[in-house]
């Protein structure tokens, strides 16, 4: 029996099933489309486990290779996104276990400073003060998220950062919907407490009116007053 025959079209959404069939037949465009569709979600879930951008990228690559090698076993019992999420999370958890074994076998060494996830500006001419304020706030959110217990962190990333529904989150993480709701509630309380504790200094830079915006208004007033520069 061919790989294409092992994945019945009726088991999933018609378009998705057709895409899976093409990818299983080594269609490069289908493989590329699947990766681009699910890459960000899987990366965020993996990073929620590993706390490292470089480790997350490496593990995600391994997860994709494993997923495409096992694509013939996908029969549509769950959504493709759920199936991929489980593979990626399993790969991340395996890496964590391997790291723990390695740490037990070696003398502890200081951890490398975490790399910050880039936050692209919506415009190349964005006000640098506002971009800096946004970056500071996102840094606090990332740090507070990383500090959550793993069980809460995974749910928070899936529900809040990725915007998954309760049912899809439960299926991806192999939890009950009630557990997802409970863990999300607790995660939000922890995040809120962490941000409230640290937000004061950051708020001093909120609503910045400096740099180009300040210069622009100043020159507009000068012009309207018809003052000599």
C-alpha atoms as a PDB file:
ATOM      1  CA  UNK A   1       0.000   0.000   0.000  1.00  0.00           C
ATOM      2  CA  UNK A   2       1.377   3.428  -0.928  1.00  0.00           C
ATOM      3  CA  UNK A   3       1.821   6.294   1.521  1.00  0.00           C
ATOM      4  CA  UNK A   4      -1.012   8.172  -0.182  1.00  0.00           C
ATOM      5  CA  UNK A   5      -3.414   5.302   0.416  1.00  0.00           C
ATOM      6  CA  UNK A   6      -2.662   5.203   4.140  1.00  0.00           C
ATOM      7  CA  UNK A   7      -4.110   8.700   4.684  1.00  0.00           C
ATOM      8  CA  UNK A   8      -7.810   8.668   3.774  1.00  0.00           C
ATOM      9  CA  UNK A   9      -9.149  11.969   2.460  1.00  0.00           C
ATOM     10  CA  UNK A  10     -12.338  11.666   4.504  1.00  0.00           C
ATOM     11  CA  UNK A  11     -10.547  11.677   7.857  1.00  0.00           C
ATOM     12  CA  UNK A  12      -9.873  15.392   7.887  1.00  0.00           C
ATOM     13  CA  UNK A  13     -10.807  18.613   6.182  1.00  0.00           C
ATOM     14  CA  UNK A  14     -10.581  18.001   2.447  1.00  0.00           C
ATOM     15  CA  UNK A  15      -8.004  20.686   1.735  1.00  0.00           C
ATOM     16  CA  UNK A  16      -5.870  19.736   4.740  1.00  0.00           C
ATOM     17  CA  UNK A  17      -6.024  16.038   3.919  1.00  0.00           C
ATOM     18  CA  UNK A  18      -5.005  16.725   0.330  1.00  0.00           C
ATOM     19  CA  UNK A  19      -2.115  18.827   1.580  1.00  0.00           C
ATOM     20  CA  UNK A  20      -1.019  16.031   3.917  1.00  0.00           C
ATOM     21  CA  UNK A  21      -1.130  13.543   1.057  1.00  0.00           C
ATOM     22  CA  UNK A  22       1.043  15.752  -1.088  1.00  0.00           C
ATOM     23  CA  UNK A  23       3.528  16.289   1.736  1.00  0.00           C
ATOM     24  CA  UNK A  24       3.655  12.544   2.427  1.00  0.00           C
ATOM     25  CA  UNK A  25       4.513  12.095  -1.249  1.00  0.00           C
ATOM     26  CA  UNK A  26       7.471  14.477  -0.762  1.00  0.00           C
ATOM     27  CA  UNK A  27       5.866  17.447  -2.481  1.00  0.00           C
ATOM     28  CA  UNK A  28       8.200  20.286  -1.462  1.00  0.00           C
ATOM     29  CA  UNK A  29       5.563  23.000  -1.837  1.00  0.00           C
ATOM     30  CA  UNK A  30       3.112  21.102   0.402  1.00  0.00           C
ATOM     31  CA  UNK A  31       5.813  20.562   3.027  1.00  0.00           C
ATOM     32  CA  UNK A  32       6.716  24.242   2.887  1.00  0.00           C
ATOM     33  CA  UNK A  33       3.089  25.286   3.278  1.00  0.00           C
ATOM     34  CA  UNK A  34       2.536  23.056   6.312  1.00  0.00           C
ATOM     35  CA  UNK A  35       5.667  24.383   8.005  1.00  0.00           C
ATOM     36  CA  UNK A  36       4.820  28.034   7.372  1.00  0.00           C
ATOM     37  CA  UNK A  37       1.255  27.542   8.585  1.00  0.00           C
ATOM     38  CA  UNK A  38       2.197  25.991  11.932  1.00  0.00           C
ATOM     39  CA  UNK A  39       5.757  27.175  12.557  1.00  0.00           C
ATOM     40  CA  UNK A  40       5.089  30.128  14.869  1.00  0.00           C
ATOM     41  CA  UNK A  41       2.640  28.258  17.080  1.00  0.00           C
ATOM     42  CA  UNK A  42       4.942  25.279  17.469  1.00  0.00           C
ATOM     43  CA  UNK A  43       7.953  27.492  18.123  1.00  0.00           C
ATOM     44  CA  UNK A  44       6.175  29.299  20.934  1.00  0.00           C
ATOM     45  CA  UNK A  45       5.019  26.060  22.531  1.00  0.00           C
ATOM     46  CA  UNK A  46       8.515  24.565  22.346  1.00  0.00           C
ATOM     47  CA  UNK A  47      10.112  27.702  23.713  1.00  0.00           C
ATOM     48  CA  UNK A  48       7.632  27.716  26.591  1.00  0.00           C
ATOM     49  CA  UNK A  49       9.231  24.439  27.649  1.00  0.00           C
ATOM     50  CA  UNK A  50      12.880  25.187  26.881  1.00  0.00           C
ATOM     51  CA  UNK A  51      13.277  28.894  27.775  1.00  0.00           C
ATOM     52  CA  UNK A  52      15.882  29.263  25.039  1.00  0.00           C
ATOM     53  CA  UNK A  53      15.516  30.607  21.521  1.00  0.00           C
ATOM     54  CA  UNK A  54      18.404  28.586  20.130  1.00  0.00           C
ATOM     55  CA  UNK A  55      17.276  25.344  21.795  1.00  0.00           C
ATOM     56  CA  UNK A  56      13.697  25.930  20.691  1.00  0.00           C
ATOM     57  CA  UNK A  57      14.720  26.436  17.077  1.00  0.00           C
ATOM     58  CA  UNK A  58      16.890  23.328  17.103  1.00  0.00           C
ATOM     59  CA  UNK A  59      14.233  21.167  18.744  1.00  0.00           C
ATOM     60  CA  UNK A  60      11.524  22.482  16.439  1.00  0.00           C
ATOM     61  CA  UNK A  61      13.615  21.496  13.439  1.00  0.00           C
ATOM     62  CA  UNK A  62      13.969  18.000  14.886  1.00  0.00           C
ATOM     63  CA  UNK A  63      10.231  17.872  15.543  1.00  0.00           C
ATOM     64  CA  UNK A  64       9.450  18.788  11.941  1.00  0.00           C
ATOM     65  CA  UNK A  65      11.756  16.075  10.637  1.00  0.00           C
ATOM     66  CA  UNK A  66      10.099  13.558  12.943  1.00  0.00           C
ATOM     67  CA  UNK A  67       6.623  14.711  11.936  1.00  0.00           C
ATOM     68  CA  UNK A  68       7.251  14.375   8.227  1.00  0.00           C
ATOM     69  CA  UNK A  69       8.881  10.985   8.743  1.00  0.00           C
ATOM     70  CA  UNK A  70       5.727   9.854  10.571  1.00  0.00           C
ATOM     71  CA  UNK A  71       3.210  11.631   8.348  1.00  0.00           C
ATOM     72  CA  UNK A  72       1.809   8.334   7.100  1.00  0.00           C
ATOM     73  CA  UNK A  73       0.601   7.654  10.658  1.00  0.00           C
ATOM     74  CA  UNK A  74      -1.594  10.761  10.655  1.00  0.00           C
ATOM     75  CA  UNK A  75      -5.139   9.537  10.067  1.00  0.00           C
ATOM     76  CA  UNK A  76      -7.062  12.653  11.010  1.00  0.00           C
ATOM     77  CA  UNK A  77      -8.334  11.525  14.420  1.00  0.00           C
ATOM     78  CA  UNK A  78      -7.288  15.016  15.572  1.00  0.00           C
ATOM     79  CA  UNK A  79      -6.547  18.203  13.670  1.00  0.00           C
ATOM     80  CA  UNK A  80      -3.141  18.355  12.018  1.00  0.00           C
ATOM     81  CA  UNK A  81      -2.245  21.302  14.269  1.00  0.00           C
ATOM     82  CA  UNK A  82      -2.985  19.218  17.361  1.00  0.00           C
ATOM     83  CA  UNK A  83      -0.985  16.255  16.062  1.00  0.00           C
ATOM     84  CA  UNK A  84       1.980  18.509  15.292  1.00  0.00           C
ATOM     85  CA  UNK A  85       1.727  20.239  18.682  1.00  0.00           C
ATOM     86  CA  UNK A  86       2.020  16.923  20.487  1.00  0.00           C
ATOM     87  CA  UNK A  87       5.072  15.931  18.456  1.00  0.00           C
ATOM     88  CA  UNK A  88       6.748  19.276  19.114  1.00  0.00           C
ATOM     89  CA  UNK A  89       5.971  19.203  22.837  1.00  0.00           C
ATOM     90  CA  UNK A  90       7.254  15.649  23.136  1.00  0.00           C
ATOM     91  CA  UNK A  91      10.477  16.687  21.414  1.00  0.00           C
ATOM     92  CA  UNK A  92      10.867  19.630  23.802  1.00  0.00           C
ATOM     93  CA  UNK A  93      10.217  17.495  26.880  1.00  0.00           C
ATOM     94  CA  UNK A  94      12.731  14.926  25.649  1.00  0.00           C
ATOM     95  CA  UNK A  95      15.317  17.695  25.342  1.00  0.00           C
ATOM     96  CA  UNK A  96      14.564  18.848  28.891  1.00  0.00           C
ATOM     97  CA  UNK A  97      15.046  15.315  30.223  1.00  0.00           C
ATOM     98  CA  UNK A  98      18.319  14.981  28.308  1.00  0.00           C
ATOM     99  CA  UNK A  99      19.541  18.307  29.687  1.00  0.00           C
ATOM    100  CA  UNK A 100      18.726  17.221  33.228  1.00  0.00           C
ATOM    101  CA  UNK A 101      20.667  13.985  32.778  1.00  0.00           C
ATOM    102  CA  UNK A 102      23.596  15.933  31.378  1.00  0.00           C
ATOM    103  CA  UNK A 103      23.548  18.382  34.293  1.00  0.00           C
ATOM    104  CA  UNK A 104      23.640  15.518  36.778  1.00  0.00           C
ATOM    105  CA  UNK A 105      26.663  14.096  34.994  1.00  0.00           C
ATOM    106  CA  UNK A 106      28.557  17.371  34.757  1.00  0.00           C
ATOM    107  CA  UNK A 107      29.582  20.126  37.115  1.00  0.00           C
ATOM    108  CA  UNK A 108      27.082  22.998  36.913  1.00  0.00           C
ATOM    109  CA  UNK A 109      28.093  25.910  34.705  1.00  0.00           C
ATOM    110  CA  UNK A 110      26.561  29.404  34.607  1.00  0.00           C
ATOM    111  CA  UNK A 111      23.718  29.533  32.082  1.00  0.00           C
ATOM    112  CA  UNK A 112      24.126  31.698  29.009  1.00  0.00           C
ATOM    113  CA  UNK A 113      22.126  34.893  28.922  1.00  0.00           C
ATOM    114  CA  UNK A 114      18.848  34.334  27.120  1.00  0.00           C
ATOM    115  CA  UNK A 115      18.525  35.884  23.685  1.00  0.00           C
ATOM    116  CA  UNK A 116      15.614  38.280  23.350  1.00  0.00           C
ATOM    117  CA  UNK A 117      12.938  37.370  20.808  1.00  0.00           C
ATOM    118  CA  UNK A 118      13.032  40.112  18.162  1.00  0.00           C
ATOM    119  CA  UNK A 119      10.022  42.419  18.142  1.00  0.00           C
ATOM    120  CA  UNK A 120       9.827  43.834  14.628  1.00  0.00           C
ATOM    121  CA  UNK A 121       8.664  47.412  14.245  1.00  0.00           C
ATOM    122  CA  UNK A 122       5.598  48.004  12.113  1.00  0.00           C
ATOM    123  CA  UNK A 123       7.487  50.792  10.374  1.00  0.00           C
ATOM    124  CA  UNK A 124      11.128  51.456   9.675  1.00  0.00           C
ATOM    125  CA  UNK A 125      10.508  55.078  10.724  1.00  0.00           C
ATOM    126  CA  UNK A 126       8.795  54.225  14.019  1.00  0.00           C
ATOM    127  CA  UNK A 127       9.482  56.539  16.914  1.00  0.00           C
ATOM    128  CA  UNK A 128      12.472  54.991  18.746  1.00  0.00           C
ATOM    129  CA  UNK A 129      11.194  56.038  22.184  1.00  0.00           C
ATOM    130  CA  UNK A 130       7.865  54.278  21.620  1.00  0.00           C
ATOM    131  CA  UNK A 131       9.608  51.184  20.235  1.00  0.00           C
ATOM    132  CA  UNK A 132      11.823  51.112  23.321  1.00  0.00           C
ATOM    133  CA  UNK A 133       8.796  51.366  25.627  1.00  0.00           C
ATOM    134  CA  UNK A 134       7.066  48.545  23.765  1.00  0.00           C
ATOM    135  CA  UNK A 135      10.198  46.431  23.981  1.00  0.00           C
ATOM    136  CA  UNK A 136      10.479  47.039  27.721  1.00  0.00           C
ATOM    137  CA  UNK A 137       6.888  45.987  28.270  1.00  0.00           C
ATOM    138  CA  UNK A 138       7.279  42.883  26.109  1.00  0.00           C
ATOM    139  CA  UNK A 139      10.458  42.003  27.994  1.00  0.00           C
ATOM    140  CA  UNK A 140       8.489  42.059  31.243  1.00  0.00           C
ATOM    141  CA  UNK A 141       5.738  39.889  29.771  1.00  0.00           C
ATOM    142  CA  UNK A 142       8.287  37.397  28.396  1.00  0.00           C
ATOM    143  CA  UNK A 143      10.133  37.233  31.711  1.00  0.00           C
ATOM    144  CA  UNK A 144       6.903  36.802  33.673  1.00  0.00           C
ATOM    145  CA  UNK A 145       5.778  34.083  31.271  1.00  0.00           C
ATOM    146  CA  UNK A 146       9.106  32.253  31.492  1.00  0.00           C
ATOM    147  CA  UNK A 147       8.842  32.350  35.302  1.00  0.00           C
ATOM    148  CA  UNK A 148       5.515  30.489  35.332  1.00  0.00           C
ATOM    149  CA  UNK A 149       5.478  26.822  36.351  1.00  0.00           C
ATOM    150  CA  UNK A 150       5.650  24.727  33.203  1.00  0.00           C
ATOM    151  CA  UNK A 151       2.100  23.392  33.458  1.00  0.00           C
ATOM    152  CA  UNK A 152       0.723  26.946  33.674  1.00  0.00           C
ATOM    153  CA  UNK A 153       3.174  28.344  31.126  1.00  0.00           C
ATOM    154  CA  UNK A 154       2.130  25.952  28.359  1.00  0.00           C
ATOM    155  CA  UNK A 155      -1.540  26.756  28.832  1.00  0.00           C
ATOM    156  CA  UNK A 156      -0.853  30.509  28.978  1.00  0.00           C
ATOM    157  CA  UNK A 157       1.191  30.438  25.777  1.00  0.00           C
ATOM    158  CA  UNK A 158      -1.406  28.353  23.949  1.00  0.00           C
ATOM    159  CA  UNK A 159      -4.454  30.322  25.092  1.00  0.00           C
ATOM    160  CA  UNK A 160      -3.193  33.902  25.413  1.00  0.00           C
ATOM    161  CA  UNK A 161      -0.188  34.215  23.119  1.00  0.00           C
ATOM    162  CA  UNK A 162      -1.344  31.842  20.400  1.00  0.00           C
ATOM    163  CA  UNK A 163      -5.057  32.507  20.907  1.00  0.00           C
ATOM    164  CA  UNK A 164      -6.125  28.860  20.793  1.00  0.00           C
ATOM    165  CA  UNK A 165      -9.562  27.918  22.072  1.00  0.00           C
ATOM    166  CA  UNK A 166     -10.113  25.893  25.211  1.00  0.00           C
ATOM    167  CA  UNK A 167     -10.907  22.694  23.337  1.00  0.00           C
ATOM    168  CA  UNK A 168      -7.924  22.948  20.983  1.00  0.00           C
ATOM    169  CA  UNK A 169      -5.574  23.751  23.864  1.00  0.00           C
ATOM    170  CA  UNK A 170      -6.905  20.788  25.826  1.00  0.00           C
ATOM    171  CA  UNK A 171      -6.413  18.481  22.848  1.00  0.00           C
ATOM    172  CA  UNK A 172      -2.907  19.774  22.113  1.00  0.00           C
ATOM    173  CA  UNK A 173      -1.728  19.421  25.712  1.00  0.00           C
ATOM    174  CA  UNK A 174      -3.716  16.273  26.486  1.00  0.00           C
ATOM    175  CA  UNK A 175      -5.694  17.974  29.259  1.00  0.00           C
ATOM    176  CA  UNK A 176      -9.367  18.334  30.098  1.00  0.00           C
ATOM    177  CA  UNK A 177     -11.032  21.668  29.245  1.00  0.00           C
ATOM    178  CA  UNK A 178     -11.670  22.234  32.959  1.00  0.00           C
ATOM    179  CA  UNK A 179      -7.953  21.851  33.702  1.00  0.00           C
ATOM    180  CA  UNK A 180      -7.099  24.299  30.925  1.00  0.00           C
ATOM    181  CA  UNK A 181      -9.472  26.893  32.417  1.00  0.00           C
ATOM    182  CA  UNK A 182      -8.099  26.416  35.927  1.00  0.00           C
ATOM    183  CA  UNK A 183      -4.458  26.636  34.873  1.00  0.00           C
ATOM    184  CA  UNK A 184      -5.102  29.686  32.700  1.00  0.00           C
ATOM    185  CA  UNK A 185      -6.805  31.458  35.609  1.00  0.00           C
ATOM    186  CA  UNK A 186      -3.841  30.745  37.888  1.00  0.00           C
ATOM    187  CA  UNK A 187      -1.315  31.697  35.208  1.00  0.00           C
ATOM    188  CA  UNK A 188      -3.023  35.040  34.690  1.00  0.00           C
ATOM    189  CA  UNK A 189      -2.967  35.755  38.411  1.00  0.00           C
ATOM    190  CA  UNK A 190       0.753  35.014  38.558  1.00  0.00           C
ATOM    191  CA  UNK A 191       1.477  37.115  35.476  1.00  0.00           C
ATOM    192  CA  UNK A 192      -0.598  39.996  36.832  1.00  0.00           C
ATOM    193  CA  UNK A 193       1.173  39.902  40.194  1.00  0.00           C
ATOM    194  CA  UNK A 194       4.581  39.840  38.525  1.00  0.00           C
ATOM    195  CA  UNK A 195       3.780  42.749  36.228  1.00  0.00           C
ATOM    196  CA  UNK A 196       2.196  44.856  38.974  1.00  0.00           C
ATOM    197  CA  UNK A 197       5.348  44.409  41.040  1.00  0.00           C
ATOM    198  CA  UNK A 198       7.626  45.596  38.256  1.00  0.00           C
ATOM    199  CA  UNK A 199       5.517  47.881  36.106  1.00  0.00           C
ATOM    200  CA  UNK A 200       6.152  51.056  38.094  1.00  0.00           C
ATOM    201  CA  UNK A 201       9.620  51.883  36.725  1.00  0.00           C
ATOM    202  CA  UNK A 202       8.526  51.027  33.183  1.00  0.00           C
ATOM    203  CA  UNK A 203       5.434  53.228  33.382  1.00  0.00           C
ATOM    204  CA  UNK A 204       7.709  56.228  33.904  1.00  0.00           C
ATOM    205  CA  UNK A 205       8.512  55.892  30.196  1.00  0.00           C
ATOM    206  CA  UNK A 206       4.927  55.321  29.082  1.00  0.00           C
ATOM    207  CA  UNK A 207       3.356  57.590  26.453  1.00  0.00           C
ATOM    208  CA  UNK A 208       6.729  59.020  25.391  1.00  0.00           C
ATOM    209  CA  UNK A 209       6.680  62.334  23.615  1.00  0.00           C
ATOM    210  CA  UNK A 210      10.293  62.846  22.714  1.00  0.00           C
ATOM    211  CA  UNK A 211      12.517  62.292  19.754  1.00  0.00           C
ATOM    212  CA  UNK A 212      10.968  62.835  16.325  1.00  0.00           C
ATOM    213  CA  UNK A 213       7.451  63.477  17.619  1.00  0.00           C
ATOM    214  CA  UNK A 214       8.653  66.188  19.972  1.00  0.00           C
ATOM    215  CA  UNK A 215      10.832  67.724  17.265  1.00  0.00           C
ATOM    216  CA  UNK A 216       7.966  67.684  14.774  1.00  0.00           C
ATOM    217  CA  UNK A 217       5.573  69.489  17.116  1.00  0.00           C
ATOM    218  CA  UNK A 218       8.243  71.995  18.116  1.00  0.00           C
ATOM    219  CA  UNK A 219       8.977  72.910  14.517  1.00  0.00           C
ATOM    220  CA  UNK A 220       5.260  73.144  13.722  1.00  0.00           C
ATOM    221  CA  UNK A 221       4.761  75.646  16.548  1.00  0.00           C
ATOM    222  CA  UNK A 222       7.837  77.615  15.474  1.00  0.00           C
ATOM    223  CA  UNK A 223       6.489  77.734  11.938  1.00  0.00           C
ATOM    224  CA  UNK A 224       3.041  78.882  13.000  1.00  0.00           C
ATOM    225  CA  UNK A 225       4.553  81.587  15.192  1.00  0.00           C
ATOM    226  CA  UNK A 226       6.651  82.653  12.230  1.00  0.00           C
ATOM    227  CA  UNK A 227       9.753  82.731  14.395  1.00  0.00           C
ATOM    228  CA  UNK A 228      13.241  82.810  12.996  1.00  0.00           C
ATOM    229  CA  UNK A 229      15.264  79.672  13.574  1.00  0.00           C
END
